């Protein structure tokens, strides 16, 4: 599974584009963020990505979790979002 790392300075639209592309090609992606600003940008990006894929009959689900990472010999806690693509069925037309 591909992992995207989001910082507090990441552009949500750019991250959303990457999330959408990976959901289209791989069906799943992991997003990691450390700190409140990074988590904020990640959540915005996930919401924007959903808007990108809905017109293609795709939706997403996510499961947030904490994960411990070693960064430069220091243990840090990150929030990770495991995101899965979900294919939406074509609804049957309503009869009048």
N, C-alpha and C. Protein backbone atom coordinates (compact mmCIF):
# COMPACT_ATOMS: atom_id res chain seq x y z
N UNK A 1 0.86 -1.18 0.00
CA UNK A 1 0.00 0.00 0.00
C UNK A 1 0.90 1.23 0.00
N UNK A 2 0.56 2.16 -0.84
CA UNK A 2 1.30 3.43 -0.95
C UNK A 2 1.02 4.29 0.28
N UNK A 3 2.05 4.99 0.79
CA UNK A 3 1.90 5.87 1.94
C UNK A 3 2.20 7.30 1.54
N UNK A 4 1.25 8.19 1.83
CA UNK A 4 1.46 9.63 1.62
C UNK A 4 1.70 10.26 2.98
N UNK A 5 2.72 11.09 3.08
CA UNK A 5 3.02 11.79 4.32
C UNK A 5 2.62 13.25 4.16
N UNK A 6 1.77 13.70 5.07
CA UNK A 6 1.22 15.05 4.99
C UNK A 6 1.82 15.90 6.10
N UNK A 7 2.21 17.12 5.76
CA UNK A 7 2.71 18.06 6.76
C UNK A 7 1.70 19.18 6.94
N UNK A 8 1.95 20.02 7.90
CA UNK A 8 1.09 21.17 8.14
C UNK A 8 1.10 22.17 7.00
N UNK A 9 2.13 22.08 6.15
CA UNK A 9 2.25 23.00 5.01
C UNK A 9 1.82 22.37 3.70
N UNK A 10 1.35 21.13 3.75
CA UNK A 10 0.89 20.47 2.52
C UNK A 10 -0.35 21.16 1.99
N UNK A 11 -0.46 21.21 0.68
CA UNK A 11 -1.65 21.80 0.04
C UNK A 11 -2.72 20.73 -0.07
N UNK A 12 -3.87 20.91 0.58
CA UNK A 12 -4.91 19.88 0.57
C UNK A 12 -5.35 19.45 -0.82
N UNK A 13 -5.44 20.40 -1.78
CA UNK A 13 -5.86 20.03 -3.13
C UNK A 13 -4.85 19.11 -3.80
N UNK A 14 -3.57 19.36 -3.58
CA UNK A 14 -2.54 18.51 -4.17
C UNK A 14 -2.56 17.12 -3.55
N UNK A 15 -2.70 17.05 -2.23
CA UNK A 15 -2.77 15.76 -1.54
C UNK A 15 -4.04 15.02 -1.98
N UNK A 16 -5.14 15.74 -2.12
CA UNK A 16 -6.39 15.13 -2.56
C UNK A 16 -6.25 14.51 -3.94
N UNK A 17 -5.56 15.19 -4.83
CA UNK A 17 -5.32 14.65 -6.17
C UNK A 17 -4.52 13.35 -6.11
N UNK A 18 -3.52 13.31 -5.24
CA UNK A 18 -2.71 12.10 -5.08
C UNK A 18 -3.55 10.96 -4.48
N UNK A 19 -4.37 11.29 -3.49
CA UNK A 19 -5.25 10.28 -2.88
C UNK A 19 -6.19 9.72 -3.94
N UNK A 20 -6.84 10.59 -4.70
CA UNK A 20 -7.79 10.16 -5.72
C UNK A 20 -7.11 9.29 -6.77
N UNK A 21 -5.93 9.67 -7.20
CA UNK A 21 -5.21 8.90 -8.22
C UNK A 21 -4.86 7.51 -7.69
N UNK A 22 -4.41 7.43 -6.45
CA UNK A 22 -4.05 6.13 -5.88
C UNK A 22 -5.28 5.25 -5.63
N UNK A 23 -6.39 5.88 -5.27
CA UNK A 23 -7.62 5.09 -5.11
C UNK A 23 -8.08 4.54 -6.45
N UNK A 24 -7.94 5.33 -7.50
CA UNK A 24 -8.33 4.85 -8.83
C UNK A 24 -7.45 3.69 -9.29
N UNK A 25 -6.14 3.81 -9.05
CA UNK A 25 -5.21 2.80 -9.57
C UNK A 25 -5.02 1.61 -8.64
N UNK A 26 -4.94 1.86 -7.33
CA UNK A 26 -4.62 0.79 -6.38
C UNK A 26 -5.80 0.37 -5.51
N UNK A 27 -6.80 1.25 -5.41
CA UNK A 27 -7.96 0.94 -4.57
C UNK A 27 -7.75 1.23 -3.10
N UNK A 28 -6.53 1.63 -2.72
CA UNK A 28 -6.26 1.95 -1.32
C UNK A 28 -5.03 2.83 -1.22
N UNK A 29 -4.93 3.54 -0.10
CA UNK A 29 -3.78 4.40 0.18
C UNK A 29 -3.74 4.66 1.68
N UNK A 30 -2.56 4.87 2.20
CA UNK A 30 -2.40 5.24 3.61
C UNK A 30 -1.88 6.67 3.66
N UNK A 31 -2.47 7.47 4.53
CA UNK A 31 -2.04 8.86 4.73
C UNK A 31 -1.55 8.98 6.16
N UNK A 32 -0.36 9.54 6.36
CA UNK A 32 0.19 9.74 7.70
C UNK A 32 0.39 11.22 7.96
N UNK A 33 0.09 11.62 9.20
CA UNK A 33 0.25 13.02 9.59
C UNK A 33 0.71 13.08 11.04
N UNK A 34 1.66 13.96 11.32
CA UNK A 34 2.15 14.17 12.68
C UNK A 34 1.86 15.61 13.08
N UNK A 35 1.10 15.79 14.14
CA UNK A 35 0.79 17.12 14.65
C UNK A 35 -0.56 17.61 14.18
N UNK A 36 -1.13 18.55 14.94
CA UNK A 36 -2.48 19.01 14.64
C UNK A 36 -2.63 19.69 13.28
N UNK A 37 -1.66 20.48 12.86
CA UNK A 37 -1.76 21.16 11.57
C UNK A 37 -1.73 20.14 10.43
N UNK A 38 -0.89 19.13 10.54
CA UNK A 38 -0.80 18.10 9.51
C UNK A 38 -2.07 17.26 9.46
N UNK A 39 -2.62 16.91 10.62
CA UNK A 39 -3.86 16.14 10.65
C UNK A 39 -4.99 16.95 10.02
N UNK A 40 -5.03 18.24 10.30
CA UNK A 40 -6.04 19.12 9.70
C UNK A 40 -5.94 19.10 8.18
N UNK A 41 -4.73 19.23 7.65
CA UNK A 41 -4.54 19.23 6.20
C UNK A 41 -4.92 17.87 5.61
N UNK A 42 -4.61 16.79 6.32
CA UNK A 42 -4.94 15.46 5.84
C UNK A 42 -6.45 15.25 5.77
N UNK A 43 -7.16 15.67 6.80
CA UNK A 43 -8.62 15.51 6.81
C UNK A 43 -9.26 16.33 5.69
N UNK A 44 -8.77 17.56 5.49
CA UNK A 44 -9.29 18.37 4.38
C UNK A 44 -9.03 17.67 3.05
N UNK A 45 -7.84 17.11 2.88
CA UNK A 45 -7.49 16.44 1.64
C UNK A 45 -8.38 15.23 1.39
N UNK A 46 -8.70 14.47 2.42
CA UNK A 46 -9.57 13.31 2.26
C UNK A 46 -10.96 13.75 1.82
N UNK A 47 -11.48 14.81 2.44
CA UNK A 47 -12.80 15.31 2.05
C UNK A 47 -12.81 15.80 0.60
N UNK A 48 -11.76 16.50 0.19
CA UNK A 48 -11.66 16.99 -1.18
C UNK A 48 -11.54 15.82 -2.16
N UNK A 49 -10.73 14.81 -1.79
CA UNK A 49 -10.55 13.64 -2.66
C UNK A 49 -11.87 12.94 -2.90
N UNK A 50 -12.70 12.88 -1.88
CA UNK A 50 -14.01 12.25 -2.03
C UNK A 50 -14.82 12.97 -3.11
N UNK A 51 -14.75 14.29 -3.11
CA UNK A 51 -15.45 15.06 -4.14
C UNK A 51 -14.91 14.79 -5.53
N UNK A 52 -13.61 14.46 -5.64
CA UNK A 52 -13.01 14.16 -6.94
C UNK A 52 -13.49 12.82 -7.49
N UNK A 53 -13.72 11.83 -6.62
CA UNK A 53 -14.00 10.49 -7.12
C UNK A 53 -15.49 10.13 -7.18
N UNK A 54 -16.33 10.85 -6.46
CA UNK A 54 -17.77 10.56 -6.45
C UNK A 54 -18.36 10.58 -7.87
N UNK A 55 -18.02 11.56 -8.73
CA UNK A 55 -18.59 11.57 -10.08
C UNK A 55 -18.22 10.33 -10.91
N UNK A 56 -17.19 9.58 -10.47
CA UNK A 56 -16.75 8.37 -11.17
C UNK A 56 -17.35 7.11 -10.54
N UNK A 57 -18.41 7.27 -9.76
CA UNK A 57 -19.06 6.16 -9.04
C UNK A 57 -18.09 5.45 -8.10
N UNK A 58 -17.19 6.22 -7.51
CA UNK A 58 -16.28 5.72 -6.48
C UNK A 58 -16.54 6.51 -5.22
N UNK A 59 -16.42 5.86 -4.09
CA UNK A 59 -16.46 6.55 -2.80
C UNK A 59 -15.28 6.04 -2.00
N UNK A 60 -15.13 6.51 -0.80
CA UNK A 60 -14.03 6.04 0.02
C UNK A 60 -14.49 5.81 1.45
N UNK A 61 -13.77 4.95 2.12
CA UNK A 61 -13.94 4.78 3.56
C UNK A 61 -12.56 4.94 4.17
N UNK A 62 -12.53 5.38 5.41
CA UNK A 62 -11.24 5.54 6.07
C UNK A 62 -11.32 5.05 7.50
N UNK A 63 -10.20 4.55 7.98
CA UNK A 63 -10.08 4.10 9.35
C UNK A 63 -8.87 4.80 9.97
N UNK A 64 -9.11 5.80 10.81
CA UNK A 64 -7.99 6.48 11.45
C UNK A 64 -7.44 5.63 12.60
N UNK A 65 -6.13 5.74 12.81
CA UNK A 65 -5.49 5.02 13.90
C UNK A 65 -4.19 5.74 14.26
N UNK A 66 -3.70 5.47 15.45
CA UNK A 66 -2.40 6.00 15.85
C UNK A 66 -1.33 4.99 15.48
N UNK A 67 -0.17 5.49 15.10
CA UNK A 67 0.97 4.64 14.78
C UNK A 67 2.23 5.32 15.31
N UNK A 68 3.15 4.53 15.83
CA UNK A 68 4.43 5.08 16.30
C UNK A 68 5.45 4.94 15.19
N UNK A 69 6.14 6.05 14.90
CA UNK A 69 7.15 6.09 13.85
C UNK A 69 8.49 6.48 14.43
N UNK A 70 9.56 5.92 13.89
CA UNK A 70 10.91 6.34 14.27
C UNK A 70 11.38 7.34 13.24
N UNK A 71 11.58 8.58 13.67
CA UNK A 71 12.05 9.63 12.78
C UNK A 71 13.33 10.20 13.38
N UNK A 72 14.43 10.00 12.67
CA UNK A 72 15.75 10.45 13.12
C UNK A 72 16.01 10.00 14.55
N UNK A 73 15.86 8.69 14.79
CA UNK A 73 16.11 8.06 16.09
C UNK A 73 15.23 8.60 17.22
N UNK A 74 14.08 9.16 16.86
CA UNK A 74 13.13 9.66 17.85
C UNK A 74 11.77 9.05 17.55
N UNK A 75 11.11 8.54 18.59
CA UNK A 75 9.79 7.96 18.38
C UNK A 75 8.74 9.05 18.39
N UNK A 76 7.92 9.08 17.33
CA UNK A 76 6.85 10.06 17.20
C UNK A 76 5.54 9.33 16.98
N UNK A 77 4.45 9.92 17.45
CA UNK A 77 3.13 9.34 17.23
C UNK A 77 2.47 10.08 16.08
N UNK A 78 2.01 9.33 15.12
CA UNK A 78 1.33 9.90 13.96
C UNK A 78 -0.11 9.40 13.93
N UNK A 79 -0.95 10.13 13.22
CA UNK A 79 -2.28 9.63 12.91
C UNK A 79 -2.19 9.11 11.49
N UNK A 80 -2.63 7.86 11.32
CA UNK A 80 -2.65 7.31 9.96
C UNK A 80 -4.10 7.06 9.57
N UNK A 81 -4.36 7.28 8.32
CA UNK A 81 -5.69 7.06 7.75
C UNK A 81 -5.54 5.99 6.69
N UNK A 82 -6.08 4.80 6.94
CA UNK A 82 -6.14 3.77 5.91
C UNK A 82 -7.39 4.06 5.10
N UNK A 83 -7.20 4.34 3.83
CA UNK A 83 -8.31 4.75 2.97
C UNK A 83 -8.51 3.69 1.90
N UNK A 84 -9.75 3.23 1.77
CA UNK A 84 -10.11 2.24 0.76
C UNK A 84 -11.13 2.84 -0.20
N UNK A 85 -10.97 2.54 -1.47
CA UNK A 85 -11.95 2.94 -2.47
C UNK A 85 -13.11 1.96 -2.45
N UNK A 86 -14.31 2.48 -2.66
CA UNK A 86 -15.52 1.67 -2.70
C UNK A 86 -16.25 1.99 -4.00
N UNK A 87 -16.49 0.97 -4.79
CA UNK A 87 -17.21 1.15 -6.05
C UNK A 87 -18.69 1.30 -5.74
N UNK A 88 -19.32 2.36 -6.25
CA UNK A 88 -20.74 2.58 -6.05
C UNK A 88 -21.51 1.93 -7.20
N UNK A 89 -22.62 1.28 -6.88
CA UNK A 89 -23.45 0.68 -7.91
C UNK A 89 -24.28 1.74 -8.58
N UNK A 90 -24.66 1.49 -9.81
CA UNK A 90 -25.55 2.42 -10.50
C UNK A 90 -26.96 2.17 -10.00
N UNK A 91 -27.58 3.15 -9.39
CA UNK A 91 -28.95 2.94 -8.91
C UNK A 91 -29.90 2.76 -10.08
N UNK A 92 -30.90 1.93 -9.84
CA UNK A 92 -31.92 1.72 -10.88
C UNK A 92 -32.79 2.95 -10.96
N UNK A 93 -33.24 3.29 -12.16
CA UNK A 93 -34.11 4.46 -12.29
C UNK A 93 -35.42 4.23 -11.55
N UNK A 94 -35.92 5.28 -10.95
CA UNK A 94 -37.19 5.19 -10.23
C UNK A 94 -38.34 5.15 -11.22
N UNK A 95 -39.35 4.36 -10.90
CA UNK A 95 -40.55 4.36 -11.75
C UNK A 95 -41.50 5.43 -11.24
N UNK A 96 -42.17 6.11 -12.16
CA UNK A 96 -43.06 7.18 -11.72
C UNK A 96 -44.48 6.74 -11.59
